[in-house]
PDB file of N, CA and C in Angstrom:
ATOM      1  N   ALA A   1     -62.363  95.373 134.453  1.00  0.00           N
ATOM      2  CA  ALA A   1     -61.459  96.397 133.981  1.00  0.00           C
ATOM      3  C   ALA A   1     -60.078  95.798 133.697  1.00  0.00           C
ATOM      4  N   GLU A   2     -59.650  94.870 134.539  1.00  0.00           N
ATOM      5  CA  GLU A   2     -58.329  94.257 134.329  1.00  0.00           C
ATOM      6  C   GLU A   2     -58.298  93.481 133.014  1.00  0.00           C
ATOM      7  N   ALA A   3     -59.387  92.766 132.712  1.00  0.00           N
ATOM      8  CA  ALA A   3     -59.437  92.017 131.457  1.00  0.00           C
ATOM      9  C   ALA A   3     -59.394  92.962 130.261  1.00  0.00           C
ATOM     10  N   ALA A   4     -60.079  94.102 130.377  1.00  0.00           N
ATOM     11  CA  ALA A   4     -60.065  95.091 129.293  1.00  0.00           C
ATOM     12  C   ALA A   4     -58.671  95.692 129.147  1.00  0.00           C
ATOM     13  N   ARG A   5     -58.045  95.961 130.277  1.00  0.00           N
ATOM     14  CA  ARG A   5     -56.669  96.479 130.229  1.00  0.00           C
ATOM     15  C   ARG A   5     -55.731  95.460 129.588  1.00  0.00           C
ATOM     16  N   GLY A   6     -56.082  94.193 129.743  1.00  0.00           N
ATOM     17  CA  GLY A   6     -55.279  93.118 129.172  1.00  0.00           C
ATOM     18  C   GLY A   6     -55.521  92.900 127.692  1.00  0.00           C
ATOM     19  N   GLY A   7     -56.457  93.655 127.112  1.00  0.00           N
ATOM     20  CA  GLY A   7     -56.663  93.570 125.677  1.00  0.00           C
ATOM     21  C   GLY A   7     -58.002  93.004 125.242  1.00  0.00           C
ATOM     22  N   GLN A   8     -58.795  92.483 126.165  1.00  0.00           N
ATOM     23  CA  GLN A   8     -60.115  91.971 125.776  1.00  0.00           C
ATOM     24  C   GLN A   8     -61.056  93.144 125.508  1.00  0.00           C
ATOM     25  N   ALA A   9     -61.889  92.986 124.500  1.00  0.00           N
ATOM     26  CA  ALA A   9     -62.818  94.059 124.125  1.00  0.00           C
ATOM     27  C   ALA A   9     -63.838  94.292 125.226  1.00  0.00           C
ATOM     28  N   LEU A  10     -64.033  95.547 125.602  1.00  0.00           N
ATOM     29  CA  LEU A  10     -64.969  95.892 126.660  1.00  0.00           C
ATOM     30  C   LEU A  10     -66.390  95.463 126.305  1.00  0.00           C
ATOM     31  N   ALA A  11     -66.768  95.611 125.041  1.00  0.00           N
ATOM     32  CA  ALA A  11     -68.112  95.206 124.613  1.00  0.00           C
ATOM     33  C   ALA A  11     -68.328  93.716 124.820  1.00  0.00           C
ATOM     34  N   THR A  12     -67.322  92.917 124.523  1.00  0.00           N
ATOM     35  CA  THR A  12     -67.419  91.462 124.705  1.00  0.00           C
ATOM     36  C   THR A  12     -67.528  91.126 126.185  1.00  0.00           C
ATOM     37  N   LEU A  13     -66.709  91.757 126.999  1.00  0.00           N
ATOM     38  CA  LEU A  13     -66.758  91.513 128.443  1.00  0.00           C
ATOM     39  C   LEU A  13     -68.108  91.903 129.029  1.00  0.00           C
ATOM     40  N   ALA A  14     -68.637  93.023 128.574  1.00  0.00           N
ATOM     41  CA  ALA A  14     -69.939  93.474 129.057  1.00  0.00           C
ATOM     42  C   ALA A  14     -71.032  92.494 128.654  1.00  0.00           C
ATOM     43  N   GLU A  15     -70.996  92.059 127.404  1.00  0.00           N
ATOM     44  CA  GLU A  15     -72.004  91.113 126.912  1.00  0.00           C
ATOM     45  C   GLU A  15     -71.964  89.809 127.708  1.00  0.00           C
ATOM     46  N   GLN A  16     -70.782  89.324 128.014  1.00  0.00           N
ATOM     47  CA  GLN A  16     -70.634  88.098 128.797  1.00  0.00           C
ATOM     48  C   GLN A  16     -71.219  88.242 130.200  1.00  0.00           C
ATOM     49  N   SER A  17     -71.257  89.461 130.700  1.00  0.00           N
ATOM     50  CA  SER A  17     -71.775  89.727 132.042  1.00  0.00           C
ATOM     51  C   SER A  17     -73.219  90.210 132.030  1.00  0.00           C
ATOM     52  N   GLY A  18     -73.830  90.257 130.843  1.00  0.00           N
ATOM     53  CA  GLY A  18     -75.202  90.729 130.732  1.00  0.00           C
ATOM     54  C   GLY A  18     -75.324  92.240 130.876  1.00  0.00           C
ATOM     55  N   LEU A  19     -74.257  92.931 130.580  1.00  0.00           N
ATOM     56  CA  LEU A  19     -74.243  94.396 130.678  1.00  0.00           C
ATOM     57  C   LEU A  19     -74.110  95.001 129.297  1.00  0.00           C
ATOM     58  N   SER A  20     -74.056  96.301 129.215  1.00  0.00           N
ATOM     59  CA  SER A  20     -73.916  96.958 127.914  1.00  0.00           C
ATOM     60  C   SER A  20     -72.870  98.062 127.994  1.00  0.00           C
ATOM     61  N   VAL A  21     -72.404  98.476 126.833  1.00  0.00           N
ATOM     62  CA  VAL A  21     -71.417  99.542 126.720  1.00  0.00           C
ATOM     63  C   VAL A  21     -72.098 100.748 126.076  1.00  0.00           C
ATOM     64  N   HIS A  22     -71.861 101.910 126.625  1.00  0.00           N
ATOM     65  CA  HIS A  22     -72.434 103.147 126.089  1.00  0.00           C
ATOM     66  C   HIS A  22     -71.329 104.174 125.923  1.00  0.00           C
ATOM     67  N   ALA A  23     -71.390 104.926 124.853  1.00  0.00           N
ATOM     68  CA  ALA A  23     -70.460 106.030 124.650  1.00  0.00           C
ATOM     69  C   ALA A  23     -71.094 107.283 125.239  1.00  0.00           C
ATOM     70  N   SER A  24     -70.310 108.063 125.945  1.00  0.00           N
ATOM     71  CA  SER A  24     -70.834 109.298 126.535  1.00  0.00           C
ATOM     72  C   SER A  24     -70.637 110.454 125.565  1.00  0.00           C
ATOM     73  N   PRO A  25     -71.439 111.498 125.735  1.00  0.00           N
ATOM     74  CA  PRO A  25     -71.177 112.712 124.957  1.00  0.00           C
ATOM     75  C   PRO A  25     -69.944 113.405 125.537  1.00  0.00           C
ATOM     76  N   LEU A  26     -69.439 114.406 124.842  1.00  0.00           N
ATOM     77  CA  LEU A  26     -68.357 115.211 125.392  1.00  0.00           C
ATOM     78  C   LEU A  26     -68.854 115.881 126.666  1.00  0.00           C
ATOM     79  N   PHE A  27     -67.974 116.014 127.644  1.00  0.00           N
ATOM     80  CA  PHE A  27     -68.362 116.685 128.878  1.00  0.00           C
ATOM     81  C   PHE A  27     -67.161 117.400 129.471  1.00  0.00           C
ATOM     82  N   GLY A  28     -67.466 118.405 130.296  1.00  0.00           N
ATOM     83  CA  GLY A  28     -66.419 119.166 130.975  1.00  0.00           C
ATOM     84  C   GLY A  28     -66.152 118.592 132.343  1.00  0.00           C
ATOM     85  N   ARG A  29     -65.314 119.275 133.098  1.00  0.00           N
ATOM     86  CA  ARG A  29     -64.926 118.786 134.418  1.00  0.00           C
ATOM     87  C   ARG A  29     -66.099 118.625 135.367  1.00  0.00           C
ATOM     88  N   GLY A  30     -67.185 119.342 135.138  1.00  0.00           N
ATOM     89  CA  GLY A  30     -68.370 119.197 135.986  1.00  0.00           C
ATOM     90  C   GLY A  30     -69.122 117.914 135.713  1.00  0.00           C
ATOM     91  N   GLY A  31     -69.029 117.397 134.501  1.00  0.00           N
ATOM     92  CA  GLY A  31     -69.683 116.137 134.139  1.00  0.00           C
ATOM     93  C   GLY A  31     -71.192 116.178 134.144  1.00  0.00           C
ATOM     94  N   GLU A  32     -71.795 117.377 134.152  1.00  0.00           N
ATOM     95  CA  GLU A  32     -73.246 117.483 134.276  1.00  0.00           C
ATOM     96  C   GLU A  32     -74.013 116.776 133.168  1.00  0.00           C
ATOM     97  N   SER A  33     -73.424 116.651 131.985  1.00  0.00           N
ATOM     98  CA  SER A  33     -74.161 116.067 130.869  1.00  0.00           C
ATOM     99  C   SER A  33     -74.216 114.546 130.926  1.00  0.00           C
ATOM    100  N   VAL A  34     -73.551 113.948 131.909  1.00  0.00           N
ATOM    101  CA  VAL A  34     -73.544 112.490 132.030  1.00  0.00           C
ATOM    102  C   VAL A  34     -73.970 112.122 133.453  1.00  0.00           C
ATOM    103  N   PRO A  35     -75.286 112.016 133.702  1.00  0.00           N
ATOM    104  CA  PRO A  35     -75.777 111.783 135.065  1.00  0.00           C
ATOM    105  C   PRO A  35     -75.251 110.497 135.713  1.00  0.00           C
ATOM    106  N   ALA A  36     -74.905 109.488 134.925  1.00  0.00           N
ATOM    107  CA  ALA A  36     -74.417 108.230 135.505  1.00  0.00           C
ATOM    108  C   ALA A  36     -72.995 108.354 136.039  1.00  0.00           C
ATOM    109  N   PHE A  37     -72.310 109.447 135.695  1.00  0.00           N
ATOM    110  CA  PHE A  37     -70.922 109.629 136.119  1.00  0.00           C
ATOM    111  C   PHE A  37     -70.874 110.355 137.460  1.00  0.00           C
ATOM    112  N   SER A  38     -70.227 109.727 138.428  1.00  0.00           N
ATOM    113  CA  SER A  38     -70.021 110.383 139.717  1.00  0.00           C
ATOM    114  C   SER A  38     -68.901 111.405 139.578  1.00  0.00           C
ATOM    115  N   GLY A  39     -68.805 112.278 140.551  1.00  0.00           N
ATOM    116  CA  GLY A  39     -67.723 113.254 140.554  1.00  0.00           C
ATOM    117  C   GLY A  39     -66.353 112.586 140.578  1.00  0.00           C
ATOM    118  N   THR A  40     -66.254 111.465 141.288  1.00  0.00           N
ATOM    119  CA  THR A  40     -64.964 110.764 141.352  1.00  0.00           C
ATOM    120  C   THR A  40     -64.603 110.148 140.005  1.00  0.00           C
ATOM    121  N   LEU A  41     -65.604 109.686 139.259  1.00  0.00           N
ATOM    122  CA  LEU A  41     -65.332 109.131 137.932  1.00  0.00           C
ATOM    123  C   LEU A  41     -64.868 110.232 136.979  1.00  0.00           C
ATOM    124  N   VAL A  42     -65.548 111.369 137.016  1.00  0.00           N
ATOM    125  CA  VAL A  42     -65.154 112.490 136.150  1.00  0.00           C
ATOM    126  C   VAL A  42     -63.729 112.923 136.479  1.00  0.00           C
ATOM    127  N   ALA A  43     -63.416 113.042 137.773  1.00  0.00           N
ATOM    128  CA  ALA A  43     -62.061 113.443 138.178  1.00  0.00           C
ATOM    129  C   ALA A  43     -61.033 112.417 137.707  1.00  0.00           C
ATOM    130  N   ALA A  44     -61.362 111.126 137.822  1.00  0.00           N
ATOM    131  CA  ALA A  44     -60.439 110.072 137.385  1.00  0.00           C
ATOM    132  C   ALA A  44     -60.219 110.131 135.880  1.00  0.00           C
ATOM    133  N   LEU A  45     -61.276 110.424 135.120  1.00  0.00           N
ATOM    134  CA  LEU A  45     -61.132 110.523 133.671  1.00  0.00           C
ATOM    135  C   LEU A  45     -60.275 111.724 133.282  1.00  0.00           C
ATOM    136  N   PHE A  46     -60.404 112.826 134.011  1.00  0.00           N
ATOM    137  CA  PHE A  46     -59.583 113.995 133.706  1.00  0.00           C
ATOM    138  C   PHE A  46     -58.122 113.792 134.108  1.00  0.00           C
ATOM    139  N   ALA A  47     -57.868 112.815 134.954  1.00  0.00           N
ATOM    140  CA  ALA A  47     -56.486 112.498 135.333  1.00  0.00           C
ATOM    141  C   ALA A  47     -55.894 111.413 134.428  1.00  0.00           C
ATOM    142  N   ALA A  48     -56.751 110.774 133.623  1.00  0.00           N
ATOM    143  CA  ALA A  48     -56.320 109.648 132.777  1.00  0.00           C
ATOM    144  C   ALA A  48     -55.729 110.129 131.462  1.00  0.00           C
ATOM    145  N   ARG A  49     -55.107 109.191 130.776  1.00  0.00           N
ATOM    146  CA  ARG A  49     -54.592 109.428 129.424  1.00  0.00           C
ATOM    147  C   ARG A  49     -55.484 108.676 128.442  1.00  0.00           C
ATOM    148  N   PRO A  50     -55.525 109.110 127.194  1.00  0.00           N
ATOM    149  CA  PRO A  50     -56.322 108.365 126.215  1.00  0.00           C
ATOM    150  C   PRO A  50     -55.922 106.885 126.206  1.00  0.00           C
ATOM    151  N   GLY A  51     -56.941 106.030 126.245  1.00  0.00           N
ATOM    152  CA  GLY A  51     -56.720 104.587 126.272  1.00  0.00           C
ATOM    153  C   GLY A  51     -56.799 103.995 127.666  1.00  0.00           C
ATOM    154  N   ASP A  52     -56.692 104.838 128.709  1.00  0.00           N
ATOM    155  CA  ASP A  52     -56.754 104.347 130.087  1.00  0.00           C
ATOM    156  C   ASP A  52     -58.180 103.953 130.465  1.00  0.00           C
ATOM    157  N   TYR A  53     -58.281 102.954 131.329  1.00  0.00           N
ATOM    158  CA  TYR A  53     -59.558 102.543 131.925  1.00  0.00           C
ATOM    159  C   TYR A  53     -59.587 103.015 133.367  1.00  0.00           C
ATOM    160  N   VAL A  54     -60.752 103.469 133.805  1.00  0.00           N
ATOM    161  CA  VAL A  54     -60.943 103.828 135.206  1.00  0.00           C
ATOM    162  C   VAL A  54     -62.216 103.159 135.703  1.00  0.00           C
ATOM    163  N   VAL A  55     -62.236 102.838 136.986  1.00  0.00           N
ATOM    164  CA  VAL A  55     -63.396 102.206 137.610  1.00  0.00           C
ATOM    165  C   VAL A  55     -63.749 103.012 138.849  1.00  0.00           C
ATOM    166  N   GLU A  56     -64.980 103.460 138.913  1.00  0.00           N
ATOM    167  CA  GLU A  56     -65.452 104.250 140.055  1.00  0.00           C
ATOM    168  C   GLU A  56     -66.920 103.898 140.309  1.00  0.00           C
ATOM    169  N   PRO A  57     -67.408 104.175 141.517  1.00  0.00           N
ATOM    170  CA  PRO A  57     -68.822 103.930 141.807  1.00  0.00           C
ATOM    171  C   PRO A  57     -69.733 104.745 140.887  1.00  0.00           C
ATOM    172  N   ALA A  58     -70.884 104.172 140.556  1.00  0.00           N
ATOM    173  CA  ALA A  58     -71.883 104.886 139.756  1.00  0.00           C
ATOM    174  C   ALA A  58     -72.454 106.029 140.576  1.00  0.00           C
ATOM    175  N   ALA A  59     -72.917 107.061 139.910  1.00  0.00           N
ATOM    176  CA  ALA A  59     -73.451 108.244 140.591  1.00  0.00           C
ATOM    177  C   ALA A  59     -74.630 107.896 141.489  1.00  0.00           C
ATOM    178  N   ASP A  60     -75.443 106.905 141.099  1.00  0.00           N
ATOM    179  CA  ASP A  60     -76.610 106.538 141.905  1.00  0.00           C
ATOM    180  C   ASP A  60     -76.266 105.551 143.016  1.00  0.00           C
ATOM    181  N   GLY A  61     -74.975 105.173 143.113  1.00  0.00           N
ATOM    182  CA  GLY A  61     -74.538 104.255 144.162  1.00  0.00           C
ATOM    183  C   GLY A  61     -74.845 102.802 143.872  1.00  0.00           C
ATOM    184  N   ASP A  62     -75.435 102.526 142.725  1.00  0.00           N
ATOM    185  CA  ASP A  62     -75.819 101.157 142.364  1.00  0.00           C
ATOM    186  C   ASP A  62     -74.761 100.565 141.441  1.00  0.00           C
ATOM    187  N   GLY A  63     -73.715 100.009 142.010  1.00  0.00           N
ATOM    188  CA  GLY A  63     -72.678  99.378 141.207  1.00  0.00           C
ATOM    189  C   GLY A  63     -71.553 100.321 140.850  1.00  0.00           C
ATOM    190  N   HIS A  64     -70.837  99.956 139.802  1.00  0.00           N
ATOM    191  CA  HIS A  64     -69.675 100.715 139.366  1.00  0.00           C
ATOM    192  C   HIS A  64     -69.751 100.993 137.870  1.00  0.00           C
ATOM    193  N   VAL A  65     -68.989 101.978 137.446  1.00  0.00           N
ATOM    194  CA  VAL A  65     -68.871 102.309 136.029  1.00  0.00           C
ATOM    195  C   VAL A  65     -67.423 102.058 135.631  1.00  0.00           C
ATOM    196  N   ILE A  66     -67.244 101.323 134.554  1.00  0.00           N
ATOM    197  CA  ILE A  66     -65.922 101.138 133.962  1.00  0.00           C
ATOM    198  C   ILE A  66     -65.896 102.047 132.743  1.00  0.00           C
ATOM    199  N   ALA A  67     -64.942 102.946 132.724  1.00  0.00           N
ATOM    200  CA  ALA A  67     -64.873 103.912 131.630  1.00  0.00           C
ATOM    201  C   ALA A  67     -63.495 103.872 130.986  1.00  0.00           C
ATOM    202  N   ARG A  68     -63.476 104.092 129.684  1.00  0.00           N
ATOM    203  CA  ARG A  68     -62.223 104.177 128.940  1.00  0.00           C
ATOM    204  C   ARG A  68     -62.178 105.536 128.277  1.00  0.00           C
ATOM    205  N   LEU A  69     -61.110 106.260 128.523  1.00  0.00           N
ATOM    206  CA  LEU A  69     -60.938 107.568 127.901  1.00  0.00           C
ATOM    207  C   LEU A  69     -60.430 107.346 126.484  1.00  0.00           C
ATOM    208  N   THR A  70     -61.230 107.738 125.507  1.00  0.00           N
ATOM    209  CA  THR A  70     -60.839 107.507 124.115  1.00  0.00           C
ATOM    210  C   THR A  70     -60.072 108.677 123.524  1.00  0.00           C
ATOM    211  N   GLU A  71     -60.449 109.902 123.903  1.00  0.00           N
ATOM    212  CA  GLU A  71     -59.738 111.060 123.372  1.00  0.00           C
ATOM    213  C   GLU A  71     -59.958 112.269 124.263  1.00  0.00           C
ATOM    214  N   ILE A  72     -59.072 113.222 124.137  1.00  0.00           N
ATOM    215  CA  ILE A  72     -59.203 114.497 124.831  1.00  0.00           C
ATOM    216  C   ILE A  72     -59.447 115.551 123.761  1.00  0.00           C
ATOM    217  N   VAL A  73     -60.529 116.277 123.927  1.00  0.00           N
ATOM    218  CA  VAL A  73     -60.879 117.321 122.970  1.00  0.00           C
ATOM    219  C   VAL A  73     -60.587 118.660 123.621  1.00  0.00           C
ATOM    220  N   ALA A  74     -59.718 119.428 123.019  1.00  0.00           N
ATOM    221  CA  ALA A  74     -59.345 120.736 123.569  1.00  0.00           C
ATOM    222  C   ALA A  74     -60.528 121.696 123.524  1.00  0.00           C
ATOM    223  N   ALA A  75     -60.590 122.556 124.502  1.00  0.00           N
ATOM    224  CA  ALA A  75     -61.633 123.578 124.550  1.00  0.00           C
ATOM    225  C   ALA A  75     -61.434 124.557 123.398  1.00  0.00           C
ATOM    226  N   PRO A  76     -62.528 125.105 122.859  1.00  0.00           N
ATOM    227  CA  PRO A  76     -62.394 126.063 121.758  1.00  0.00           C
ATOM    228  C   PRO A  76     -61.700 127.344 122.231  1.00  0.00           C
ATOM    229  N   ARG A  77     -60.800 127.856 121.392  1.00  0.00           N
ATOM    230  CA  ARG A  77     -60.077 129.086 121.735  1.00  0.00           C
ATOM    231  C   ARG A  77     -60.551 130.275 120.915  1.00  0.00           C
ATOM    232  N   ASP A  78     -61.213 129.997 119.815  1.00  0.00           N
ATOM    233  CA  ASP A  78     -61.720 131.054 118.948  1.00  0.00           C
ATOM    234  C   ASP A  78     -63.084 131.499 119.476  1.00  0.00           C
ATOM    235  N   LYS A  79     -63.257 132.781 119.703  1.00  0.00           N
ATOM    236  CA  LYS A  79     -64.508 133.296 120.262  1.00  0.00           C
ATOM    237  C   LYS A  79     -65.725 132.949 119.410  1.00  0.00           C
ATOM    238  N   GLY A  80     -65.531 132.688 118.141  1.00  0.00           N
ATOM    239  CA  GLY A  80     -66.646 132.355 117.266  1.00  0.00           C
ATOM    240  C   GLY A  80     -66.922 130.856 117.190  1.00  0.00           C
ATOM    241  N   ALA A  81     -66.097 130.044 117.827  1.00  0.00           N
ATOM    242  CA  ALA A  81     -66.253 128.586 117.758  1.00  0.00           C
ATOM    243  C   ALA A  81     -67.493 128.127 118.519  1.00  0.00           C
ATOM    244  N   PRO A  82     -68.131 127.051 118.026  1.00  0.00           N
ATOM    245  CA  PRO A  82     -69.286 126.507 118.751  1.00  0.00           C
ATOM    246  C   PRO A  82     -68.862 126.101 120.170  1.00  0.00           C
ATOM    247  N   GLY A  83     -69.656 126.464 121.135  1.00  0.00           N
ATOM    248  CA  GLY A  83     -69.379 126.089 122.513  1.00  0.00           C
ATOM    249  C   GLY A  83     -68.526 127.084 123.280  1.00  0.00           C
ATOM    250  N   TYR A  84     -67.930 128.044 122.577  1.00  0.00           N
ATOM    251  CA  TYR A  84     -67.043 128.996 123.253  1.00  0.00           C
ATOM    252  C   TYR A  84     -67.811 129.823 124.292  1.00  0.00           C
ATOM    253  N   ALA A  85     -68.965 130.347 123.919  1.00  0.00           N
ATOM    254  CA  ALA A  85     -69.737 131.201 124.833  1.00  0.00           C
ATOM    255  C   ALA A  85     -70.154 130.424 126.078  1.00  0.00           C
ATOM    256  N   ASN A  86     -70.601 129.184 125.892  1.00  0.00           N
ATOM    257  CA  ASN A  86     -70.990 128.364 127.043  1.00  0.00           C
ATOM    258  C   ASN A  86     -69.801 128.096 127.948  1.00  0.00           C
ATOM    259  N   LEU A  87     -68.663 127.772 127.354  1.00  0.00           N
ATOM    260  CA  LEU A  87     -67.463 127.501 128.131  1.00  0.00           C
ATOM    261  C   LEU A  87     -67.027 128.741 128.901  1.00  0.00           C
ATOM    262  N   ALA A  88     -67.028 129.888 128.242  1.00  0.00           N
ATOM    263  CA  ALA A  88     -66.629 131.129 128.903  1.00  0.00           C
ATOM    264  C   ALA A  88     -67.555 131.441 130.078  1.00  0.00           C
ATOM    265  N   ALA A  89     -68.854 131.238 129.900  1.00  0.00           N
ATOM    266  CA  ALA A  89     -69.815 131.476 130.983  1.00  0.00           C
ATOM    267  C   ALA A  89     -69.586 130.505 132.132  1.00  0.00           C
ATOM    268  N   GLU A  90     -69.349 129.242 131.804  1.00  0.00           N
ATOM    269  CA  GLU A  90     -69.105 128.222 132.830  1.00  0.00           C
ATOM    270  C   GLU A  90     -67.835 128.541 133.624  1.00  0.00           C
ATOM    271  N   LEU A  91     -66.780 128.928 132.921  1.00  0.00           N
ATOM    272  CA  LEU A  91     -65.530 129.274 133.601  1.00  0.00           C
ATOM    273  C   LEU A  91     -65.705 130.511 134.484  1.00  0.00           C
ATOM    274  N   GLY A  92     -66.404 131.517 133.974  1.00  0.00           N
ATOM    275  CA  GLY A  92     -66.650 132.722 134.760  1.00  0.00           C
ATOM    276  C   GLY A  92     -67.436 132.429 136.018  1.00  0.00           C
ATOM    277  N   GLN A  93     -68.457 131.588 135.891  1.00  0.00           N
ATOM    278  CA  GLN A  93     -69.267 131.219 137.045  1.00  0.00           C
ATOM    279  C   GLN A  93     -68.436 130.431 138.052  1.00  0.00           C
ATOM    280  N   GLY A  94     -67.616 129.512 137.562  1.00  0.00           N
ATOM    281  CA  GLY A  94     -66.768 128.717 138.449  1.00  0.00           C
ATOM    282  C   GLY A  94     -65.768 129.580 139.197  1.00  0.00           C
ATOM    283  N   MET A  95     -65.177 130.549 138.497  1.00  0.00           N
ATOM    284  CA  MET A  95     -64.212 131.439 139.152  1.00  0.00           C
ATOM    285  C   MET A  95     -64.913 132.308 140.193  1.00  0.00           C
ATOM    286  N   ALA A  96     -66.104 132.779 139.897  1.00  0.00           N
ATOM    287  CA  ALA A  96     -66.848 133.594 140.858  1.00  0.00           C
ATOM    288  C   ALA A  96     -67.178 132.779 142.105  1.00  0.00           C
ATOM    289  N   GLN A  97     -67.564 131.533 141.918  1.00  0.00           N
ATOM    290  CA  GLN A  97     -67.864 130.670 143.062  1.00  0.00           C
ATOM    291  C   GLN A  97     -66.613 130.417 143.896  1.00  0.00           C
ATOM    292  N   ASP A  98     -65.475 130.236 143.234  1.00  0.00           N
ATOM    293  CA  ASP A  98     -64.218 130.030 143.950  1.00  0.00           C
ATOM    294  C   ASP A  98     -63.855 131.248 144.786  1.00  0.00           C
ATOM    295  N   VAL A  99     -64.004 132.437 144.201  1.00  0.00           N
ATOM    296  CA  VAL A  99     -63.676 133.674 144.923  1.00  0.00           C
ATOM    297  C   VAL A  99     -64.606 133.835 146.124  1.00  0.00           C
ATOM    298  N   LEU A 100     -65.892 133.591 145.937  1.00  0.00           N
ATOM    299  CA  LEU A 100     -66.830 133.698 147.053  1.00  0.00           C
ATOM    300  C   LEU A 100     -66.513 132.690 148.148  1.00  0.00           C
ATOM    301  N   ALA A 101     -66.135 131.474 147.768  1.00  0.00           N
ATOM    302  CA  ALA A 101     -65.783 130.455 148.760  1.00  0.00           C
ATOM    303  C   ALA A 101     -64.556 130.881 149.557  1.00  0.00           C
ATOM    304  N   GLN A 102     -63.568 131.463 148.875  1.00  0.00           N
ATOM    305  CA  GLN A 102     -62.373 131.931 149.576  1.00  0.00           C
ATOM    306  C   GLN A 102     -62.703 133.111 150.496  1.00  0.00           C
ATOM    307  N   TYR A 103     -63.540 134.023 150.037  1.00  0.00           N
ATOM    308  CA  TYR A 103     -63.949 135.161 150.848  1.00  0.00           C
ATOM    309  C   TYR A 103     -64.698 134.686 152.086  1.00  0.00           C
ATOM    310  N   ARG A 104     -65.596 133.766 151.892  1.00  0.00           N
ATOM    311  CA  ARG A 104     -66.374 133.218 153.007  1.00  0.00           C
ATOM    312  C   ARG A 104     -65.457 132.537 154.018  1.00  0.00           C
ATOM    313  N   ALA A 105     -64.501 131.747 153.519  1.00  0.00           N
ATOM    314  CA  ALA A 105     -63.564 131.067 154.416  1.00  0.00           C
ATOM    315  C   ALA A 105     -62.757 132.082 155.225  1.00  0.00           C
ATOM    316  N   ARG A 106     -62.366 133.180 154.575  1.00  0.00           N
ATOM    317  CA  ARG A 106     -61.603 134.230 155.271  1.00  0.00           C
ATOM    318  C   ARG A 106     -62.455 134.899 156.338  1.00  0.00           C
ATOM    319  N   LEU A 107     -63.726 135.154 156.047  1.00  0.00           N
ATOM    320  CA  LEU A 107     -64.622 135.744 157.043  1.00  0.00           C
ATOM    321  C   LEU A 107     -64.797 134.821 158.240  1.00  0.00           C
ATOM    322  N   VAL A 108     -64.964 133.557 157.960  1.00  0.00           N
ATOM    323  CA  VAL A 108     -65.112 132.581 159.049  1.00  0.00           C
ATOM    324  C   VAL A 108     -63.857 132.581 159.913  1.00  0.00           C
ATOM    325  N   GLU A 109     -62.703 132.587 159.262  1.00  0.00           N
ATOM    326  CA  GLU A 109     -61.421 132.537 159.973  1.00  0.00           C
ATOM    327  C   GLU A 109     -61.150 133.816 160.762  1.00  0.00           C
ATOM    328  N   SER A 110     -61.321 134.967 160.130  1.00  0.00           N
ATOM    329  CA  SER A 110     -60.926 136.222 160.773  1.00  0.00           C
ATOM    330  C   SER A 110     -61.959 136.779 161.739  1.00  0.00           C
ATOM    331  N   LEU A 111     -63.230 136.582 161.471  1.00  0.00           N
ATOM    332  CA  LEU A 111     -64.278 137.173 162.304  1.00  0.00           C
ATOM    333  C   LEU A 111     -65.024 136.152 163.153  1.00  0.00           C
ATOM    334  N   GLY A 112     -64.717 134.893 162.940  1.00  0.00           N
ATOM    335  CA  GLY A 112     -65.441 133.865 163.681  1.00  0.00           C
ATOM    336  C   GLY A 112     -66.875 133.725 163.201  1.00  0.00           C
ATOM    337  N   LEU A 113     -67.124 134.175 161.982  1.00  0.00           N
ATOM    338  CA  LEU A 113     -68.453 134.101 161.393  1.00  0.00           C
ATOM    339  C   LEU A 113     -68.919 132.649 161.318  1.00  0.00           C
ATOM    340  N   ARG A 114     -70.182 132.429 161.624  1.00  0.00           N
ATOM    341  CA  ARG A 114     -70.763 131.095 161.484  1.00  0.00           C
ATOM    342  C   ARG A 114     -71.823 131.154 160.406  1.00  0.00           C
ATOM    343  N   VAL A 115     -71.851 130.156 159.537  1.00  0.00           N
ATOM    344  CA  VAL A 115     -72.799 130.127 158.432  1.00  0.00           C
ATOM    345  C   VAL A 115     -73.814 129.013 158.695  1.00  0.00           C
ATOM    346  N   ASN A 116     -75.090 129.372 158.641  1.00  0.00           N
ATOM    347  CA  ASN A 116     -76.159 128.398 158.817  1.00  0.00           C
ATOM    348  C   ASN A 116     -76.438 127.780 157.448  1.00  0.00           C
ATOM    349  N   GLU A 117     -75.788 126.662 157.165  1.00  0.00           N
ATOM    350  CA  GLU A 117     -75.894 126.005 155.848  1.00  0.00           C
ATOM    351  C   GLU A 117     -77.338 125.616 155.533  1.00  0.00           C
ATOM    352  N   GLU A 118     -78.047 125.144 156.521  1.00  0.00           N
ATOM    353  CA  GLU A 118     -79.429 124.712 156.302  1.00  0.00           C
ATOM    354  C   GLU A 118     -80.310 125.882 155.860  1.00  0.00           C
ATOM    355  N   ALA A 119     -80.141 127.042 156.497  1.00  0.00           N
ATOM    356  CA  ALA A 119     -80.924 128.219 156.121  1.00  0.00           C
ATOM    357  C   ALA A 119     -80.551 128.682 154.716  1.00  0.00           C
ATOM    358  N   LEU A 120     -79.263 128.630 154.376  1.00  0.00           N
ATOM    359  CA  LEU A 120     -78.845 129.016 153.018  1.00  0.00           C
ATOM    360  C   LEU A 120     -79.462 128.110 151.971  1.00  0.00           C
ATOM    361  N   ARG A 121     -79.447 126.809 152.221  1.00  0.00           N
ATOM    362  CA  ARG A 121     -80.027 125.865 151.251  1.00  0.00           C
ATOM    363  C   ARG A 121     -81.529 126.092 151.100  1.00  0.00           C
ATOM    364  N   ALA A 122     -82.186 126.469 152.179  1.00  0.00           N
ATOM    365  CA  ALA A 122     -83.636 126.714 152.121  1.00  0.00           C
ATOM    366  C   ALA A 122     -83.951 127.931 151.257  1.00  0.00           C
ATOM    367  N   VAL A 123     -83.074 128.933 151.267  1.00  0.00           N
ATOM    368  CA  VAL A 123     -83.302 130.157 150.514  1.00  0.00           C
ATOM    369  C   VAL A 123     -82.845 130.006 149.065  1.00  0.00           C
ATOM    370  N   PHE A 124     -81.713 129.356 148.878  1.00  0.00           N
ATOM    371  CA  PHE A 124     -81.146 129.228 147.538  1.00  0.00           C
ATOM    372  C   PHE A 124     -81.297 127.830 147.049  1.00  0.00           C
TER     373      PHE A 124
END
């Protein structure tokens, strides 16, 4: 990553190491469309600026991924734009999960409620 930051082409560096370079599809903060990306890599990319390199462990734990953020694509704002419906559904689901997590935390705090995580995972 340091050599790439210094101006050497990532493809050349990868080839010299017997590795390859792949371009990822567009992805959101969840990073679900890129299985090789760990959550920490996705978070680092969302904190980066175009042109920045980030290095994080691979999602499978086998080595590391060196990634370069090439561009930031704004989310569609027009309801008729491609991807708008999916984005709206994803945001709605994320907000609902956040509210439930906060409600659950409040129940645990105020009532001393205990949650059997293992039983929940078995059911859901």
